[in-house]
Protein backbone atom coordinates (compact mmCIF):
# COMPACT_ATOMS: atom_id res chain seq x y z
CA MET A 1 0.15 0.00 0.00
CA MET A 2 2.71 2.90 1.03
CA ASN A 3 4.77 2.22 -2.42
CA GLY A 4 1.32 1.72 -4.57
CA LEU A 5 -0.17 5.30 -3.02
CA ARG A 6 3.50 6.83 -3.23
CA ALA A 7 3.69 5.85 -7.23
CA ALA A 8 0.44 6.34 -8.08
CA ARG A 9 0.56 10.48 -6.30
CA ALA A 10 3.90 11.07 -8.30
CA ALA A 11 2.80 9.83 -11.43
CA ARG A 12 0.32 12.46 -11.71
CA GLY A 13 2.59 14.95 -10.46
CA MET A 14 0.87 15.33 -6.90
CA SER A 15 2.44 16.54 -3.90
CA GLN A 16 1.07 15.30 -0.51
CA GLU A 17 -0.88 18.23 -0.17
CA ARG A 18 -2.29 18.00 -3.63
CA LEU A 19 -3.42 14.92 -2.80
CA VAL A 20 -5.04 16.21 0.70
CA ARG A 21 -6.81 18.84 -1.13
CA ALA A 22 -8.12 16.62 -3.92
CA LEU A 23 -9.54 14.23 -0.88
CA ASP A 24 -11.20 17.29 0.58
CA ALA A 25 -12.73 18.51 -2.53
CA HIS A 26 -13.82 14.68 -3.77
CA ALA A 27 -15.76 14.62 -0.70
CA ARG A 28 -17.51 17.86 -0.86
CA GLN A 29 -18.70 17.48 -4.35
CA ARG A 30 -19.99 13.89 -3.39
CA ARG A 31 -21.12 15.22 -0.16
CA ILE A 32 -18.88 12.42 1.38
CA GLU A 33 -17.69 12.52 5.10
CA VAL A 34 -13.96 12.68 5.82
CA ALA A 35 -11.55 14.36 8.41
CA SER A 36 -10.42 17.73 8.50
CA LEU A 37 -7.55 18.91 6.10
CA ALA A 38 -5.36 18.79 9.12
CA SER A 39 -6.37 15.17 9.89
CA LEU A 40 -6.00 14.35 6.15
CA ARG A 41 -2.64 15.51 6.24
CA THR A 42 -1.76 13.11 8.77
CA TYR A 43 -3.54 10.24 7.13
CA VAL A 44 -2.02 10.82 3.73
CA SER A 45 1.63 10.70 5.24
CA GLU A 46 0.68 7.81 7.61
CA TRP A 47 -0.51 5.52 4.90
CA GLU A 48 2.52 6.23 3.00
CA ASN A 49 4.93 5.45 5.53
CA GLY A 50 3.01 2.64 6.43
CA LYS A 51 2.18 3.78 9.95
CA ARG A 52 -1.29 3.81 9.07
CA GLY A 53 -3.80 1.32 7.44
CA ILE A 54 -6.32 2.88 4.51
CA ASN A 55 -9.40 1.82 5.58
CA ASP A 56 -12.15 0.95 2.60
CA HIS A 57 -13.91 4.34 2.83
CA TYR A 58 -10.80 6.46 2.33
CA ALA A 59 -9.44 3.76 -0.11
CA ALA A 60 -12.40 4.16 -2.53
CA ILE A 61 -12.20 7.97 -2.65
CA VAL A 62 -8.09 7.56 -3.55
CA ARG A 63 -8.88 4.69 -6.23
CA ALA A 64 -11.05 7.52 -7.79
CA ILE A 65 -8.73 10.68 -7.49
CA LEU A 66 -5.32 8.59 -8.46
CA GLY A 67 -6.89 5.47 -10.94
CA VAL A 68 -5.22 2.35 -9.09
CA THR A 69 -7.32 -0.30 -8.35
CA ASP A 70 -7.33 -2.27 -4.89
CA ASP A 71 -4.70 -4.48 -5.55
CA GLU A 72 -2.49 -1.85 -6.39
CA LEU A 73 -3.76 0.39 -3.35
CA ARG A 74 -3.80 -2.14 -0.88
CA PRO A 75 -1.88 -5.32 -1.68
CA GLN A 76 -1.83 -6.90 1.79
CA ALA A 77 -5.20 -6.19 2.10
CA ALA A 78 -6.47 -7.80 -1.25
CA SER A 79 -4.51 -11.04 -0.50
CA SER A 80 -5.86 -11.29 3.06
CA SER A 81 -8.97 -10.88 2.03
CA LEU A 82 -9.22 -14.26 -0.26
CA ALA A 83 -11.15 -17.40 1.28
CA PRO A 84 -9.71 -20.57 1.21
CA PRO A 85 -11.32 -22.98 -1.58
CA ALA A 86 -13.82 -25.40 -0.21
CA ALA A 87 -12.74 -28.80 0.01
CA ASP A 88 -15.68 -29.61 -1.75
CA GLY A 89 -17.07 -27.01 -4.29
CA TYR A 90 -19.29 -28.80 -6.74
CA ASP A 91 -22.48 -27.00 -5.70
CA GLU A 92 -20.41 -23.74 -6.00
CA LEU A 93 -19.15 -24.95 -9.26
CA LEU A 94 -22.63 -25.98 -10.88
CA ASN A 95 -24.10 -22.63 -9.61
CA ARG A 96 -21.66 -20.82 -11.77
CA ILE A 97 -22.00 -22.86 -14.74
CA ASP A 98 -25.66 -22.72 -14.52
CA ALA A 99 -25.63 -18.53 -14.31
CA ALA A 100 -22.92 -18.18 -16.94
CA ARG A 101 -25.54 -20.43 -19.31
CA ASN A 102 -28.16 -17.80 -18.41
CA VAL A 103 -25.89 -14.88 -20.17
CA SER A 104 -28.33 -14.43 -23.15
CA GLN A 105 -27.54 -12.40 -26.14
CA SER A 106 -29.64 -9.54 -24.62
CA MET A 107 -27.01 -9.70 -21.57
CA VAL A 108 -23.98 -9.73 -23.79
CA GLN A 109 -25.46 -6.67 -25.52
CA THR A 110 -25.78 -4.68 -21.92
CA PHE A 111 -21.61 -5.74 -21.58
CA LEU A 112 -21.19 -4.23 -24.74
CA ASP A 113 -23.56 -0.99 -23.73
CA GLN A 114 -21.70 -0.61 -20.75
CA THR A 115 -18.17 -1.02 -22.00
CA GLU A 116 -19.16 1.79 -24.81
CA LEU A 117 -20.29 3.71 -22.04
CA LEU A 118 -17.12 3.37 -20.07
CA ARG A 119 -15.48 4.66 -23.46
CA THR A 120 -17.11 7.89 -23.71
CA MET A 121 -16.67 8.66 -20.29
CA ASP A 122 -12.90 7.78 -20.22
CA ARG A 123 -12.49 10.11 -23.57
CA GLN A 124 -14.09 12.76 -22.03
CA MET A 125 -13.05 12.52 -17.72
CA GLY A 126 -9.98 10.27 -17.82
CA ALA A 127 -9.82 6.88 -16.59
CA SER A 128 -9.16 7.59 -12.94
CA SER A 129 -12.57 7.99 -11.38
CA LEU A 130 -13.60 4.91 -13.53
CA VAL A 131 -11.21 2.90 -11.98
CA ASP A 132 -13.75 0.80 -9.69
CA GLN A 133 -16.22 0.43 -12.36
CA MET A 134 -13.90 -0.80 -15.27
CA THR A 135 -12.31 -3.43 -12.15
CA SER A 136 -15.82 -4.53 -11.58
CA HIS A 137 -16.82 -4.54 -15.29
CA LEU A 138 -13.84 -7.16 -16.02
CA SER A 139 -14.38 -9.20 -13.38
CA THR A 140 -18.17 -10.00 -14.42
CA LEU A 141 -17.12 -10.64 -18.07
CA GLU A 142 -14.05 -12.82 -17.23
CA GLU A 143 -16.65 -14.69 -14.52
CA ALA A 144 -18.88 -15.27 -17.31
CA LEU A 145 -16.24 -16.66 -19.77
CA THR A 146 -14.82 -18.85 -17.22
CA PHE A 147 -17.99 -20.57 -16.30
CA ALA A 148 -19.81 -20.87 -19.69
CA VAL A 149 -19.42 -24.61 -21.11
CA LEU A 150 -20.62 -24.13 -24.75
CA PRO A 151 -18.82 -22.23 -27.43
CA ASP A 152 -21.96 -20.49 -28.90
CA THR A 153 -22.11 -19.02 -25.44
CA ARG A 154 -18.46 -18.77 -24.74
CA ARG A 155 -17.68 -16.73 -28.07
CA PRO A 156 -20.01 -13.60 -27.59
CA VAL A 157 -18.63 -13.11 -23.86
CA ALA A 158 -14.95 -13.34 -25.22
CA VAL A 159 -15.92 -10.53 -28.02
CA ALA A 160 -17.11 -8.58 -24.75
CA LEU A 161 -14.50 -9.18 -23.03
CA THR A 162 -11.74 -8.76 -25.40
CA GLY A 163 -12.81 -5.25 -26.12
CA ALA A 164 -13.08 -4.24 -22.36
CA ALA A 165 -10.00 -5.48 -21.64
CA THR A 166 -8.29 -3.58 -24.38
CA LEU A 167 -9.84 -0.52 -22.96
CA ALA A 168 -9.05 -1.08 -19.50
CA ALA A 169 -5.70 -1.59 -20.90
CA TRP A 170 -5.38 1.87 -22.54
CA GLN A 171 -6.69 3.52 -19.65
CA ALA A 172 -4.02 1.85 -17.23
CA LEU A 173 -1.29 2.78 -19.91
CA ASP A 174 -2.49 6.23 -20.00
CA GLY A 175 -2.21 6.40 -16.03
CA GLY A 176 1.42 4.88 -15.60
CA PHE A 177 0.28 1.61 -14.67
CA VAL A 178 2.38 0.03 -17.11
CA GLU A 179 2.04 -3.96 -15.38
CA ARG A 180 -1.79 -3.61 -15.51
CA ALA A 181 -1.78 -2.39 -18.81
CA TRP A 182 0.08 -5.28 -20.07
CA ARG A 183 -1.74 -7.96 -18.08
CA HIS A 184 -4.96 -6.61 -19.78
CA TYR A 185 -3.70 -6.79 -23.08
CA GLU A 186 -2.97 -10.44 -22.65
CA LEU A 187 -6.21 -10.77 -21.43
CA ALA A 188 -7.82 -9.37 -24.42
CA LYS A 189 -5.75 -11.17 -26.87
CA ARG A 190 -6.78 -14.70 -24.91
CA ALA A 191 -10.44 -13.62 -25.38
CA ALA A 192 -10.25 -12.65 -28.93
CA GLN A 193 -8.33 -16.13 -30.05
CA GLU A 194 -11.05 -17.51 -27.87
CA ALA A 195 -13.91 -15.55 -29.77
CA ASP A 196 -11.79 -16.27 -32.92
CA ALA A 197 -12.01 -12.30 -33.95
CA PRO A 198 -8.78 -11.58 -35.63
CA MET A 199 -9.68 -8.15 -35.75
CA TYR A 200 -10.01 -7.73 -32.00
CA LEU A 201 -6.57 -9.86 -31.48
CA VAL A 202 -4.62 -7.35 -33.87
CA HIS A 203 -5.88 -4.48 -32.57
CA ALA A 204 -5.02 -5.43 -29.02
CA MET A 205 -1.30 -6.37 -30.30
CA GLY A 206 -1.28 -3.12 -31.75
CA GLU A 207 -2.25 -1.15 -28.66
CA GLN A 208 0.11 -3.31 -26.63
CA ALA A 209 3.21 -1.83 -28.94
CA TYR A 210 2.88 1.61 -27.04
CA VAL A 211 3.57 -0.10 -23.75
CA LEU A 212 6.90 -1.52 -25.63
CA ALA A 213 7.23 1.66 -26.57
CA ASP A 214 6.67 3.79 -23.31
CA ALA A 215 9.61 1.34 -21.66
CA GLY A 216 12.19 2.38 -24.55
CA ARG A 217 11.42 -1.04 -26.54
CA LEU A 218 11.25 0.73 -29.51
CA PRO A 219 12.39 -1.95 -31.91
CA ASP A 220 9.80 -4.66 -30.27
CA ALA A 221 6.85 -2.28 -30.36
CA ILE A 222 7.69 -1.67 -34.08
CA ALA A 223 7.83 -5.41 -35.00
CA LEU A 224 4.80 -6.12 -32.73
CA VAL A 225 2.69 -3.55 -34.57
CA ARG A 226 4.03 -5.04 -38.05
CA TYR A 227 3.29 -8.16 -36.93
CA ALA A 228 -0.10 -7.55 -36.12
CA ARG A 229 -0.96 -6.05 -39.42
CA GLU A 230 0.73 -9.13 -40.98
CA THR A 231 -1.37 -11.25 -38.72
CA GLY A 232 -4.66 -10.19 -39.77
CA GLY A 233 -3.74 -9.81 -43.88
CA GLN A 234 -6.90 -9.13 -45.53
CA ARG A 235 -9.33 -10.13 -42.91
CA LEU A 236 -8.84 -6.53 -41.25
CA SER A 237 -10.87 -3.85 -41.64
CA PRO A 238 -9.51 -0.68 -44.44
CA ARG A 239 -9.79 1.49 -41.03
CA LEU A 240 -8.17 -0.69 -38.91
CA GLN A 241 -5.30 -1.19 -41.46
CA ALA A 242 -4.90 2.45 -41.58
CA TRP A 243 -4.91 2.97 -38.07
CA LEU A 244 -2.15 -0.02 -37.61
CA HIS A 245 -0.30 2.09 -40.59
CA ALA A 246 -0.27 5.37 -38.84
CA ALA A 247 0.54 3.51 -35.27
CA GLU A 248 3.59 2.18 -37.05
CA ALA A 249 4.45 5.43 -38.58
CA GLU A 250 4.17 7.01 -34.63
CA LEU A 251 6.77 4.52 -33.51
CA CYS A 252 9.09 4.91 -36.41
CA ALA A 253 9.19 8.66 -35.89
CA LYS A 254 10.24 7.96 -32.25
CA ALA A 255 12.58 5.56 -33.02
CA GLY A 256 14.37 7.94 -35.47
CA THR A 257 13.61 6.39 -38.77
CA PRO A 258 12.05 8.98 -40.85
CA SER A 259 11.77 7.19 -44.14
CA GLU A 260 9.83 4.34 -42.66
CA ALA A 261 7.85 6.67 -40.74
CA ARG A 262 6.90 8.45 -43.64
CA ARG A 263 5.92 5.70 -45.78
CA ALA A 264 3.91 4.06 -43.18
CA ILE A 265 1.80 7.45 -43.04
CA GLU A 266 1.33 7.48 -46.49
CA ALA A 267 -0.36 3.81 -46.21
CA ALA A 268 -2.63 4.82 -43.64
CA THR A 269 -3.74 7.54 -46.14
CA ARG A 270 -4.24 5.21 -48.63
CA CYS A 271 -6.09 2.22 -46.54
CA LEU A 272 -8.43 5.07 -44.97
CA PRO A 273 -11.78 5.15 -45.95
CA ALA A 274 -13.24 8.18 -47.42
CA GLY A 275 -16.00 10.18 -45.92
CA GLU A 276 -16.30 11.87 -42.48
CA SER A 277 -17.54 8.65 -40.47
CA ALA A 278 -14.60 7.59 -37.62
CA ARG A 279 -16.14 4.57 -36.32
CA ASP A 280 -15.41 0.90 -37.79
CA ASP A 281 -18.71 -0.96 -37.66
CA ASP A 282 -16.50 -3.99 -37.22
CA MET A 283 -14.10 -2.75 -34.32
CA PRO A 284 -16.32 -0.13 -32.03
CA SER A 285 -12.62 0.65 -30.33
CA ILE A 286 -11.50 2.49 -33.89
CA PHE A 287 -12.15 6.06 -34.04
CA LEU A 288 -10.29 7.15 -37.30
CA ASN A 289 -11.09 9.36 -40.22
CA HIS A 290 -9.17 11.83 -42.09
CA GLY A 291 -9.91 14.25 -39.23
CA HIS A 292 -7.90 12.30 -36.78
CA LEU A 293 -5.51 11.07 -39.22
CA THR A 294 -4.63 14.63 -40.21
CA ARG A 295 -3.68 15.09 -36.18
CA TRP A 296 -1.48 11.80 -36.32
CA ARG A 297 0.22 12.87 -39.41
CA GLY A 298 1.06 16.21 -37.45
CA ASN A 299 2.22 13.96 -34.43
CA VAL A 300 4.41 11.90 -36.60
CA LEU A 301 5.87 15.06 -38.32
CA ALA A 302 6.60 16.92 -35.45
CA LEU A 303 8.24 13.88 -34.10
CA LEU A 304 10.35 14.28 -37.12
CA GLY A 305 11.20 17.93 -36.88
CA ASP A 306 9.76 18.57 -39.94
CA ASP A 307 8.26 22.03 -40.61
CA ASP A 308 4.93 21.04 -42.18
CA ALA A 309 3.71 19.89 -38.77
CA VAL A 310 2.73 23.00 -37.59
CA ALA A 311 0.20 23.26 -40.36
CA SER A 312 -1.15 19.88 -40.21
CA LEU A 313 -1.57 20.12 -36.32
CA TYR A 314 -3.51 23.54 -36.47
CA ASP A 315 -6.10 21.70 -39.16
CA ALA A 316 -6.46 19.22 -36.42
CA LEU A 317 -6.95 21.35 -34.00
CA ASP A 318 -9.64 23.40 -35.56
CA GLY A 319 -11.41 20.08 -36.41
CA VAL A 320 -10.91 18.27 -33.18
CA ASP A 321 -14.31 16.61 -31.69
CA PRO A 322 -14.65 18.66 -28.01
CA SER A 323 -15.22 15.29 -26.34
CA PHE A 324 -12.12 14.24 -27.27
CA VAL A 325 -10.29 15.88 -24.28
CA ARG A 326 -7.38 13.46 -23.79
CA ALA A 327 -6.79 13.51 -27.49
CA GLN A 328 -6.62 17.38 -27.15
CA ALA A 329 -4.04 17.30 -24.49
CA GLY A 330 -1.78 15.22 -27.08
CA LEU A 331 -2.61 17.41 -29.68
CA ARG A 332 -1.33 20.46 -28.01
CA CYS A 333 1.88 18.45 -26.93
CA ASP A 334 2.27 17.74 -30.67
CA LEU A 335 2.16 21.62 -31.19
CA ALA A 336 4.28 22.55 -28.51
CA GLN A 337 7.04 20.03 -29.97
CA ALA A 338 6.50 21.20 -33.55
CA HIS A 339 7.22 24.75 -32.51
CA LEU A 340 10.04 24.19 -30.15
CA VAL A 341 11.63 22.48 -33.44
CA ARG A 342 10.65 26.21 -34.99
CA ASP A 343 12.44 27.61 -32.23
CA GLU A 344 9.15 29.53 -31.22
CA PRO A 345 9.30 29.19 -27.72
CA ASP A 346 6.67 31.34 -26.66
CA GLN A 347 4.08 29.50 -28.50
CA ALA A 348 5.28 25.89 -27.14
CA SER A 349 4.48 27.79 -23.86
CA ASP A 350 0.92 28.34 -24.34
CA HIS A 351 0.38 24.99 -25.75
CA LEU A 352 2.22 23.00 -22.80
CA ARG A 353 0.13 25.04 -20.52
CA GLU A 354 -3.50 24.14 -22.07
CA ALA A 355 -2.02 20.40 -22.43
CA ARG A 356 -1.44 20.35 -18.76
CA LEU A 357 -4.80 21.70 -17.55
CA LEU A 358 -6.26 18.90 -20.01
CA ALA A 359 -3.97 15.99 -18.81
CA LYS A 360 -4.67 16.93 -15.17
CA ARG A 361 -8.42 16.97 -16.01
CA THR A 362 -8.50 13.56 -17.53
CA GLY A 363 -5.59 12.19 -14.76
CA SER A 364 -3.47 11.23 -17.63
CA ALA A 365 0.08 10.24 -16.00
CA ARG A 366 1.81 9.47 -19.78
CA HIS A 367 1.00 13.06 -21.17
CA LEU A 368 2.11 14.61 -17.93
CA ARG A 369 5.45 12.93 -18.63
CA ARG A 370 5.57 13.93 -22.39
CA ILE A 371 4.79 17.65 -20.82
CA GLU A 372 7.66 17.79 -18.47
CA ARG A 373 10.17 16.52 -21.23
CA LEU A 374 8.87 19.05 -23.58
CA THR A 375 8.95 21.69 -20.66
CA GLN A 376 12.87 20.74 -19.92
CA GLN A 377 13.74 20.33 -23.68
CA PRO A 378 16.39 23.56 -24.40
């Protein structure tokens, strides 16, 4: 608990005092009873130094603020709460199998609708406040799949699980919880294989490449996203193919291979269907139209230090969907980087200030790390 709380707080650039005030503000907004500010300061210090255990009441508030799961916040409490297995558990097993058998198509649609709701909330608010809902949603889907017997019941649940697990993984990566992100991607891949859903499998692999990239393993990340595209082959929709090419372009730009990056972003442009629609009918987690790809192209050019990045990025800024709050933070970072390349520090500073506000609003540790790197860039 001690290390988890301190690490999560530090990942968001929060001091103990800011966490204390966030606890107080969260409680006031939701009319939850908490201790005085003076007592909260003592509690936070004692929680981080192992002098006081964090109880369920405060743990729920901290999880919503920092985006940690209970296992990450209180590993000792989580492990001690596990009940020992029953010596004869056949009745319980059969009850769970019967419950899984009763998962109808309408229930699966409810799972999908819940994932879509969480995706929308995440896009606008960030993932921190959703961690408990996301954890519970995944647990319910895993339970349904674990105890489903026949393929006609298992496949639709597995499809729902892979979509939810991929969303949960990206949320964890954005929040700075890389091990949780990796495990969720592995869960998504297993569920996609169970469902015989190659597009879901390929998308999970493509996003998982970003975990490797953020860890500094860019050659592995590029190899994985290319392998994903080759694995999918002709079974992939044009929009997903474009997404994979654009992801490859970004990773190649970060790796300092401009010719490969430019080749990949041009391939993405060729693959992407015409029109304003951004959703992929076969892959609800993919949002990509020419407006989004313009932003992505600007990101690639900014990473390459290309002067053309500024025009692309301002075009994207003019057309960005206001509900994509976290994407706006990334776009502002791209603009800051492009202006720094052009030796325009004042404009870069303006965009970094806006990016920081948006990143804090969504609790994006990933964007905050990038903002700090750009701020320190000469």
